[in-house]
């Protein structure tokens, strides 16, 4: 993935970016190690079989972290910061699911160099697994 050069003034409502990734067992175990979240639903297959999901599910925050990737791709260089993000978890994510994160500019606030974005993540069946909206701030040159 590469990051192009895009000044704040070049953004328009409706600008979109996507990023896709297939969730692996390694992703879940590495996220558990980094976050310290070793909840059995995520890391213990035998326990997970006894839950409503019947199998291990990815951490919600692992799934939502794809929004950080797609926002960075949207911001391009010189970059910026994530100011705020709401997250609604709609469906579980399992090992082998291919997720696509979407970010779309829905509002531009020139006085603060900020943009509101609609954000969502869908699985390979087109089902929304995460939805929300956020605010990002674009750096000056």
Protein backbone atom coordinates (compact mmCIF):
# COMPACT_ATOMS: atom_id res chain seq x y z
CA UNK A 1 0.00 0.00 0.00
CA UNK A 2 1.29 3.44 -0.81
CA UNK A 3 0.26 6.84 0.39
CA UNK A 4 -0.11 9.59 -2.18
CA UNK A 5 0.10 13.30 -1.61
CA UNK A 6 -3.29 14.98 -1.10
CA UNK A 7 -3.81 18.42 0.46
CA UNK A 8 -6.90 19.21 2.53
CA UNK A 9 -8.23 21.49 -0.21
CA UNK A 10 -8.42 18.55 -2.64
CA UNK A 11 -10.96 16.62 -0.54
CA UNK A 12 -14.62 16.53 -1.53
CA UNK A 13 -17.76 15.07 -0.02
CA UNK A 14 -18.11 11.56 -1.38
CA UNK A 15 -14.37 10.78 -1.50
CA UNK A 16 -14.00 7.11 -0.55
CA UNK A 17 -11.30 4.58 0.20
CA UNK A 18 -11.43 0.84 0.90
CA UNK A 19 -9.08 -1.74 2.37
CA UNK A 20 -9.59 -5.52 2.39
CA UNK A 21 -8.08 -8.24 4.59
CA UNK A 22 -8.81 -11.88 5.37
CA UNK A 23 -8.79 -12.58 9.11
CA UNK A 24 -6.45 -15.42 10.10
CA UNK A 25 -5.81 -17.36 13.27
CA UNK A 26 -2.44 -15.58 13.47
CA UNK A 27 -4.20 -12.19 13.39
CA UNK A 28 -6.34 -13.19 16.37
CA UNK A 29 -3.44 -14.62 18.38
CA UNK A 30 -1.20 -11.63 17.65
CA UNK A 31 -3.98 -9.20 18.58
CA UNK A 32 -4.53 -11.13 21.82
CA UNK A 33 -0.82 -10.89 22.59
CA UNK A 34 -0.60 -7.17 21.83
CA UNK A 35 -3.83 -6.17 23.57
CA UNK A 36 -3.73 -8.66 26.44
CA UNK A 37 -7.31 -9.69 25.56
CA UNK A 38 -7.19 -13.46 25.88
CA UNK A 39 -10.93 -13.91 26.36
CA UNK A 40 -11.74 -17.58 25.62
CA UNK A 41 -14.20 -16.77 22.82
CA UNK A 42 -11.23 -15.52 20.80
CA UNK A 43 -8.45 -17.95 21.73
CA UNK A 44 -10.02 -21.20 23.02
CA UNK A 45 -11.72 -23.29 20.33
CA UNK A 46 -13.28 -25.72 22.81
CA UNK A 47 -14.83 -22.92 24.87
CA UNK A 48 -15.98 -21.09 21.72
CA UNK A 49 -17.92 -24.20 20.61
CA UNK A 50 -20.14 -23.76 23.69
CA UNK A 51 -21.09 -20.16 22.83
CA UNK A 52 -23.87 -18.83 20.62
CA UNK A 53 -21.31 -18.51 17.80
CA UNK A 54 -20.18 -22.14 17.91
CA UNK A 55 -16.64 -21.18 16.95
CA UNK A 56 -13.90 -18.70 17.74
CA UNK A 57 -14.71 -15.09 16.88
CA UNK A 58 -12.26 -12.29 16.16
CA UNK A 59 -11.95 -9.50 18.70
CA UNK A 60 -14.30 -6.65 17.88
CA UNK A 61 -11.47 -4.17 18.23
CA UNK A 62 -9.28 -6.21 15.85
CA UNK A 63 -12.05 -5.90 13.29
CA UNK A 64 -12.52 -2.19 14.00
CA UNK A 65 -8.78 -1.59 13.68
CA UNK A 66 -9.20 -1.90 9.91
CA UNK A 67 -10.88 1.51 10.10
CA UNK A 68 -7.55 2.98 11.19
CA UNK A 69 -5.93 1.54 8.06
CA UNK A 70 -8.59 2.86 5.71
CA UNK A 71 -8.53 6.32 7.34
CA UNK A 72 -4.76 6.52 6.86
CA UNK A 73 -5.25 5.61 3.22
CA UNK A 74 -7.93 8.29 2.90
CA UNK A 75 -5.81 10.99 4.57
CA UNK A 76 -2.76 10.34 2.39
CA UNK A 77 0.25 12.58 3.02
CA UNK A 78 0.99 14.87 4.76
CA UNK A 79 -1.33 12.89 7.01
CA UNK A 80 -3.47 13.83 9.94
CA UNK A 81 -5.08 12.37 13.01
CA UNK A 82 -8.15 10.44 13.98
CA UNK A 83 -10.13 12.68 16.34
CA UNK A 84 -13.20 10.56 17.03
CA UNK A 85 -14.87 7.32 15.95
CA UNK A 86 -18.17 5.72 16.91
CA UNK A 87 -18.35 1.96 16.49
CA UNK A 88 -21.35 -0.34 16.34
CA UNK A 89 -20.62 -4.06 16.16
CA UNK A 90 -23.30 -5.62 13.97
CA UNK A 91 -22.13 -9.20 13.33
CA UNK A 92 -19.36 -11.52 14.50
CA UNK A 93 -16.22 -12.06 12.44
CA UNK A 94 -14.66 -15.50 12.13
CA UNK A 95 -11.32 -16.90 10.99
CA UNK A 96 -11.36 -16.92 7.19
CA UNK A 97 -13.74 -13.99 6.79
CA UNK A 98 -12.58 -11.44 4.26
CA UNK A 99 -13.40 -7.94 5.44
CA UNK A 100 -13.52 -4.71 3.48
CA UNK A 101 -13.32 -1.44 5.39
CA UNK A 102 -14.86 1.63 3.77
CA UNK A 103 -14.42 5.30 4.68
CA UNK A 104 -16.34 8.09 2.95
CA UNK A 105 -16.09 11.83 3.48
CA UNK A 106 -19.57 13.06 4.49
CA UNK A 107 -18.78 16.59 5.67
CA UNK A 108 -15.89 19.03 5.34
CA UNK A 109 -15.14 21.57 8.08
CA UNK A 110 -12.57 23.92 6.51
CA UNK A 111 -12.21 26.20 9.54
CA UNK A 112 -10.70 23.32 11.57
CA UNK A 113 -9.27 21.26 8.68
CA UNK A 114 -11.56 18.44 9.74
CA UNK A 115 -13.75 15.97 7.90
CA UNK A 116 -16.59 13.77 9.09
CA UNK A 117 -16.52 10.28 7.66
CA UNK A 118 -18.94 7.43 7.37
CA UNK A 119 -17.17 4.18 8.20
CA UNK A 120 -18.20 0.57 7.78
CA UNK A 121 -16.73 -2.87 7.45
CA UNK A 122 -18.44 -5.59 5.44
CA UNK A 123 -17.66 -9.30 5.15
CA UNK A 124 -17.34 -11.37 1.98
CA UNK A 125 -21.13 -11.78 1.87
CA UNK A 126 -21.66 -8.01 1.87
CA UNK A 127 -22.98 -8.05 5.44
CA UNK A 128 -22.05 -5.08 7.61
CA UNK A 129 -20.01 -6.24 10.62
CA UNK A 130 -19.01 -2.79 11.93
CA UNK A 131 -20.62 0.58 11.30
CA UNK A 132 -19.97 4.07 12.59
CA UNK A 133 -18.87 7.55 11.81
CA UNK A 134 -15.88 9.59 12.79
CA UNK A 135 -13.92 12.79 12.57
CA UNK A 136 -10.45 13.17 11.12
CA UNK A 137 -8.19 16.20 11.01
CA UNK A 138 -5.83 16.84 8.10
CA UNK A 139 -2.32 18.14 8.73
CA UNK A 140 -1.12 21.29 7.04
CA UNK A 141 1.71 21.08 4.54
